[in-house]
């Protein structure tokens, strides 16, 4: 820590996920071993203690405590920001999908309503009673509107569920 790298500020990632993932097998093996010996303790906290103990014993990490604390907090913040960005992206995608489903339902309802109007005009033109044609068109329009309302409610529920995750 006595020799900090310039590109390790809170906003930038020193290693992208692609580069960092090559260490995942080693880190997972360590995490599994720590979890196996946790004996009721929080394995994540034990893994952090293990890592900081390594830094204390084998490096000069703690020679500049304030700078080291800043480095740890900056690393935490970079990861927290990455989680928040991924969550926001996921929510935006869910919102876009919900909006597309609602628009599709609206288009389908509009087509059904236009079809009902057309059938009512055809019925009147062929001599059917105006009242019956209008009643039929009103029923079809109401059914289409109800389907549209249900689809919009489903889309809102899906979006709410995604936003809760």
C-alpha atoms as a PDB file:
ATOM      1  CA  UNK A   1       0.000   0.000   0.000  1.00  0.00           C
ATOM      2  CA  UNK A   2       2.978   2.296   0.376  1.00  0.00           C
ATOM      3  CA  UNK A   3       3.169   2.393  -3.426  1.00  0.00           C
ATOM      4  CA  UNK A   4      -0.424   3.033  -4.574  1.00  0.00           C
ATOM      5  CA  UNK A   5      -1.270   2.803  -8.237  1.00  0.00           C
ATOM      6  CA  UNK A   6      -2.713   5.924  -9.834  1.00  0.00           C
ATOM      7  CA  UNK A   7      -5.596   4.130 -11.560  1.00  0.00           C
ATOM      8  CA  UNK A   8      -7.185   2.659  -8.430  1.00  0.00           C
ATOM      9  CA  UNK A   9      -9.586   5.503  -7.706  1.00  0.00           C
ATOM     10  CA  UNK A  10     -13.149   4.785  -6.633  1.00  0.00           C
ATOM     11  CA  UNK A  11     -14.506   5.336 -10.141  1.00  0.00           C
ATOM     12  CA  UNK A  12     -12.259   3.102 -12.245  1.00  0.00           C
ATOM     13  CA  UNK A  13     -11.683  -0.636 -12.048  1.00  0.00           C
ATOM     14  CA  UNK A  14      -8.003  -1.648 -11.970  1.00  0.00           C
ATOM     15  CA  UNK A  15      -8.999  -5.036 -13.420  1.00  0.00           C
ATOM     16  CA  UNK A  16     -12.070  -5.609 -15.504  1.00  0.00           C
ATOM     17  CA  UNK A  17     -14.256  -8.614 -14.719  1.00  0.00           C
ATOM     18  CA  UNK A  18     -12.691 -10.533 -17.596  1.00  0.00           C
ATOM     19  CA  UNK A  19      -9.190 -10.147 -16.155  1.00  0.00           C
ATOM     20  CA  UNK A  20     -10.335 -10.688 -12.567  1.00  0.00           C
ATOM     21  CA  UNK A  21     -12.262 -13.879 -13.426  1.00  0.00           C
ATOM     22  CA  UNK A  22      -9.047 -15.770 -14.075  1.00  0.00           C
ATOM     23  CA  UNK A  23      -8.479 -15.657 -10.307  1.00  0.00           C
ATOM     24  CA  UNK A  24     -11.973 -16.996  -9.508  1.00  0.00           C
ATOM     25  CA  UNK A  25     -10.961 -20.692  -9.249  1.00  0.00           C
ATOM     26  CA  UNK A  26      -8.231 -19.865  -6.732  1.00  0.00           C
ATOM     27  CA  UNK A  27     -10.510 -17.504  -4.774  1.00  0.00           C
ATOM     28  CA  UNK A  28     -13.353 -20.052  -4.791  1.00  0.00           C
ATOM     29  CA  UNK A  29     -11.037 -22.741  -3.479  1.00  0.00           C
ATOM     30  CA  UNK A  30      -9.945 -20.429  -0.663  1.00  0.00           C
ATOM     31  CA  UNK A  31     -13.554 -19.464   0.084  1.00  0.00           C
ATOM     32  CA  UNK A  32     -14.605 -23.128   0.227  1.00  0.00           C
ATOM     33  CA  UNK A  33     -11.783 -23.994   2.602  1.00  0.00           C
ATOM     34  CA  UNK A  34     -12.560 -21.024   4.848  1.00  0.00           C
ATOM     35  CA  UNK A  35     -16.290 -21.878   4.807  1.00  0.00           C
ATOM     36  CA  UNK A  36     -15.478 -25.463   5.805  1.00  0.00           C
ATOM     37  CA  UNK A  37     -13.582 -24.240   8.870  1.00  0.00           C
ATOM     38  CA  UNK A  38     -15.984 -21.377   9.729  1.00  0.00           C
ATOM     39  CA  UNK A  39     -17.637 -23.302  12.583  1.00  0.00           C
ATOM     40  CA  UNK A  40     -20.604 -20.930  12.890  1.00  0.00           C
ATOM     41  CA  UNK A  41     -18.621 -17.810  12.008  1.00  0.00           C
ATOM     42  CA  UNK A  42     -19.393 -15.685   8.963  1.00  0.00           C
ATOM     43  CA  UNK A  43     -17.168 -17.200   6.224  1.00  0.00           C
ATOM     44  CA  UNK A  44     -16.945 -13.908   4.305  1.00  0.00           C
ATOM     45  CA  UNK A  45     -15.605 -12.115   7.381  1.00  0.00           C
ATOM     46  CA  UNK A  46     -13.147 -14.957   7.955  1.00  0.00           C
ATOM     47  CA  UNK A  47     -11.978 -14.736   4.341  1.00  0.00           C
ATOM     48  CA  UNK A  48     -11.460 -10.986   4.715  1.00  0.00           C
ATOM     49  CA  UNK A  49      -9.510 -11.532   7.958  1.00  0.00           C
ATOM     50  CA  UNK A  50      -7.430 -14.163   6.191  1.00  0.00           C
ATOM     51  CA  UNK A  51      -6.652 -11.800   3.310  1.00  0.00           C
ATOM     52  CA  UNK A  52      -5.805  -8.831   5.519  1.00  0.00           C
ATOM     53  CA  UNK A  53      -3.717 -11.105   7.733  1.00  0.00           C
ATOM     54  CA  UNK A  54      -1.783 -12.156   4.649  1.00  0.00           C
ATOM     55  CA  UNK A  55      -1.244  -8.502   3.733  1.00  0.00           C
ATOM     56  CA  UNK A  56      -0.074  -7.750   7.288  1.00  0.00           C
ATOM     57  CA  UNK A  57       2.322 -10.696   7.425  1.00  0.00           C
ATOM     58  CA  UNK A  58       3.724 -10.736   3.885  1.00  0.00           C
ATOM     59  CA  UNK A  59       3.530  -7.169   2.513  1.00  0.00           C
ATOM     60  CA  UNK A  60       4.037  -3.539   3.501  1.00  0.00           C
ATOM     61  CA  UNK A  61       0.290  -2.909   3.162  1.00  0.00           C
ATOM     62  CA  UNK A  62      -0.124  -1.505   6.670  1.00  0.00           C
ATOM     63  CA  UNK A  63       2.931   0.793   6.558  1.00  0.00           C
ATOM     64  CA  UNK A  64       0.696   3.735   5.484  1.00  0.00           C
ATOM     65  CA  UNK A  65      -2.579   2.982   7.331  1.00  0.00           C
ATOM     66  CA  UNK A  66      -4.629   5.963   6.094  1.00  0.00           C
ATOM     67  CA  UNK A  67      -3.724   5.393   2.469  1.00  0.00           C
ATOM     68  CA  UNK A  68      -4.454   1.686   2.899  1.00  0.00           C
ATOM     69  CA  UNK A  69      -7.840   2.394   4.451  1.00  0.00           C
ATOM     70  CA  UNK A  70      -8.649   4.666   1.503  1.00  0.00           C
ATOM     71  CA  UNK A  71      -7.590   1.919  -0.914  1.00  0.00           C
ATOM     72  CA  UNK A  72      -9.835  -0.631   0.806  1.00  0.00           C
ATOM     73  CA  UNK A  73     -12.810   1.742   0.833  1.00  0.00           C
ATOM     74  CA  UNK A  74     -12.205   2.665  -2.806  1.00  0.00           C
ATOM     75  CA  UNK A  75     -12.127  -1.025  -3.791  1.00  0.00           C
ATOM     76  CA  UNK A  76     -15.360  -1.600  -1.879  1.00  0.00           C
ATOM     77  CA  UNK A  77     -16.968   1.411  -3.576  1.00  0.00           C
ATOM     78  CA  UNK A  78     -15.924   0.243  -7.053  1.00  0.00           C
ATOM     79  CA  UNK A  79     -17.580  -3.120  -6.457  1.00  0.00           C
ATOM     80  CA  UNK A  80     -20.701  -1.524  -4.905  1.00  0.00           C
ATOM     81  CA  UNK A  81     -20.958   0.797  -7.921  1.00  0.00           C
ATOM     82  CA  UNK A  82     -20.658  -2.186 -10.272  1.00  0.00           C
ATOM     83  CA  UNK A  83     -23.511  -3.946  -8.423  1.00  0.00           C
ATOM     84  CA  UNK A  84     -25.663  -0.796  -8.551  1.00  0.00           C
ATOM     85  CA  UNK A  85     -24.985  -0.331 -12.270  1.00  0.00           C
ATOM     86  CA  UNK A  86     -25.866  -3.946 -13.007  1.00  0.00           C
ATOM     87  CA  UNK A  87     -29.063  -3.623 -10.961  1.00  0.00           C
ATOM     88  CA  UNK A  88     -30.026  -0.405 -12.751  1.00  0.00           C
ATOM     89  CA  UNK A  89     -29.346  -2.051 -16.098  1.00  0.00           C
ATOM     90  CA  UNK A  90     -31.467  -5.047 -15.132  1.00  0.00           C
ATOM     91  CA  UNK A  91     -34.319  -2.786 -13.998  1.00  0.00           C
ATOM     92  CA  UNK A  92     -34.112  -0.735 -17.197  1.00  0.00           C
ATOM     93  CA  UNK A  93     -34.279  -3.931 -19.246  1.00  0.00           C
ATOM     94  CA  UNK A  94     -37.296  -5.137 -17.235  1.00  0.00           C
ATOM     95  CA  UNK A  95     -39.003  -1.770 -17.695  1.00  0.00           C
ATOM     96  CA  UNK A  96     -38.357  -1.896 -21.421  1.00  0.00           C
ATOM     97  CA  UNK A  97     -39.783  -5.433 -21.621  1.00  0.00           C
ATOM     98  CA  UNK A  98     -42.847  -4.415 -19.572  1.00  0.00           C
ATOM     99  CA  UNK A  99     -43.409  -1.401 -21.816  1.00  0.00           C
ATOM    100  CA  UNK A 100     -43.074  -3.576 -24.925  1.00  0.00           C
ATOM    101  CA  UNK A 101     -45.587  -6.096 -23.521  1.00  0.00           C
ATOM    102  CA  UNK A 102     -48.025  -3.299 -22.683  1.00  0.00           C
ATOM    103  CA  UNK A 103     -47.597  -1.755 -26.149  1.00  0.00           C
ATOM    104  CA  UNK A 104     -48.158  -5.136 -27.763  1.00  0.00           C
ATOM    105  CA  UNK A 105     -51.305  -5.626 -25.678  1.00  0.00           C
ATOM    106  CA  UNK A 106     -52.500  -2.136 -26.621  1.00  0.00           C
ATOM    107  CA  UNK A 107     -51.947  -2.874 -30.316  1.00  0.00           C
ATOM    108  CA  UNK A 108     -53.810  -6.167 -30.018  1.00  0.00           C
ATOM    109  CA  UNK A 109     -56.692  -4.479 -28.180  1.00  0.00           C
ATOM    110  CA  UNK A 110     -56.854  -1.703 -30.783  1.00  0.00           C
ATOM    111  CA  UNK A 111     -56.972  -4.300 -33.581  1.00  0.00           C
ATOM    112  CA  UNK A 112     -59.765  -6.176 -31.802  1.00  0.00           C
ATOM    113  CA  UNK A 113     -61.722  -2.945 -31.344  1.00  0.00           C
ATOM    114  CA  UNK A 114     -61.285  -1.998 -35.005  1.00  0.00           C
ATOM    115  CA  UNK A 115     -62.405  -5.496 -35.960  1.00  0.00           C
ATOM    116  CA  UNK A 116     -65.491  -5.181 -33.757  1.00  0.00           C
ATOM    117  CA  UNK A 117     -66.313  -1.807 -35.313  1.00  0.00           C
ATOM    118  CA  UNK A 118     -65.896  -3.257 -38.801  1.00  0.00           C
ATOM    119  CA  UNK A 119     -68.119  -6.249 -37.985  1.00  0.00           C
ATOM    120  CA  UNK A 120     -70.761  -3.892 -36.570  1.00  0.00           C
ATOM    121  CA  UNK A 121     -70.731  -1.803 -39.781  1.00  0.00           C
ATOM    122  CA  UNK A 122     -70.924  -4.958 -41.898  1.00  0.00           C
ATOM    123  CA  UNK A 123     -73.822  -6.261 -39.795  1.00  0.00           C
ATOM    124  CA  UNK A 124     -75.752  -3.010 -40.185  1.00  0.00           C
ATOM    125  CA  UNK A 125     -74.989  -2.940 -43.919  1.00  0.00           C
ATOM    126  CA  UNK A 126     -76.320  -6.480 -44.319  1.00  0.00           C
ATOM    127  CA  UNK A 127     -79.578  -5.550 -42.647  1.00  0.00           C
ATOM    128  CA  UNK A 128     -78.953  -6.738 -39.115  1.00  0.00           C
ATOM    129  CA  UNK A 129     -80.559  -4.628 -36.426  1.00  0.00           C
ATOM    130  CA  UNK A 130     -78.426  -1.647 -35.385  1.00  0.00           C
ATOM    131  CA  UNK A 131     -78.951  -2.355 -31.672  1.00  0.00           C
ATOM    132  CA  UNK A 132     -77.629  -5.932 -31.984  1.00  0.00           C
ATOM    133  CA  UNK A 133     -74.582  -4.838 -33.993  1.00  0.00           C
ATOM    134  CA  UNK A 134     -73.735  -2.086 -31.553  1.00  0.00           C
ATOM    135  CA  UNK A 135     -74.234  -4.387 -28.539  1.00  0.00           C
ATOM    136  CA  UNK A 136     -71.940  -6.982 -30.088  1.00  0.00           C
ATOM    137  CA  UNK A 137     -69.275  -4.353 -30.845  1.00  0.00           C
ATOM    138  CA  UNK A 138     -69.512  -2.976 -27.312  1.00  0.00           C
ATOM    139  CA  UNK A 139     -69.077  -6.485 -25.827  1.00  0.00           C
ATOM    140  CA  UNK A 140     -66.063  -7.215 -28.019  1.00  0.00           C
ATOM    141  CA  UNK A 141     -64.560  -3.835 -27.164  1.00  0.00           C
ATOM    142  CA  UNK A 142     -65.057  -4.442 -23.440  1.00  0.00           C
ATOM    143  CA  UNK A 143     -63.403  -7.888 -23.694  1.00  0.00           C
ATOM    144  CA  UNK A 144     -60.454  -6.404 -25.584  1.00  0.00           C
ATOM    145  CA  UNK A 145     -60.090  -3.612 -23.024  1.00  0.00           C
ATOM    146  CA  UNK A 146     -60.181  -6.138 -20.163  1.00  0.00           C
ATOM    147  CA  UNK A 147     -57.469  -8.253 -21.824  1.00  0.00           C
ATOM    148  CA  UNK A 148     -55.411  -5.091 -22.256  1.00  0.00           C
ATOM    149  CA  UNK A 149     -55.864  -4.161 -18.577  1.00  0.00           C
ATOM    150  CA  UNK A 150     -54.827  -7.684 -17.495  1.00  0.00           C
ATOM    151  CA  UNK A 151     -51.725  -7.619 -19.721  1.00  0.00           C
ATOM    152  CA  UNK A 152     -50.733  -4.206 -18.382  1.00  0.00           C
ATOM    153  CA  UNK A 153     -51.198  -5.447 -14.809  1.00  0.00           C
ATOM    154  CA  UNK A 154     -49.023  -8.506 -15.574  1.00  0.00           C
ATOM    155  CA  UNK A 155     -46.351  -6.246 -17.056  1.00  0.00           C
ATOM    156  CA  UNK A 156     -46.456  -3.953 -13.982  1.00  0.00           C
ATOM    157  CA  UNK A 157     -46.187  -6.966 -11.652  1.00  0.00           C
ATOM    158  CA  UNK A 158     -43.238  -8.368 -13.592  1.00  0.00           C
ATOM    159  CA  UNK A 159     -41.521  -4.988 -13.466  1.00  0.00           C
ATOM    160  CA  UNK A 160     -42.187  -4.616  -9.723  1.00  0.00           C
ATOM    161  CA  UNK A 161     -40.825  -8.117  -9.073  1.00  0.00           C
ATOM    162  CA  UNK A 162     -37.678  -7.333 -11.067  1.00  0.00           C
ATOM    163  CA  UNK A 163     -37.185  -4.027  -9.259  1.00  0.00           C
ATOM    164  CA  UNK A 164     -37.425  -5.803  -5.885  1.00  0.00           C
ATOM    165  CA  UNK A 165     -34.567  -8.155  -6.837  1.00  0.00           C
END
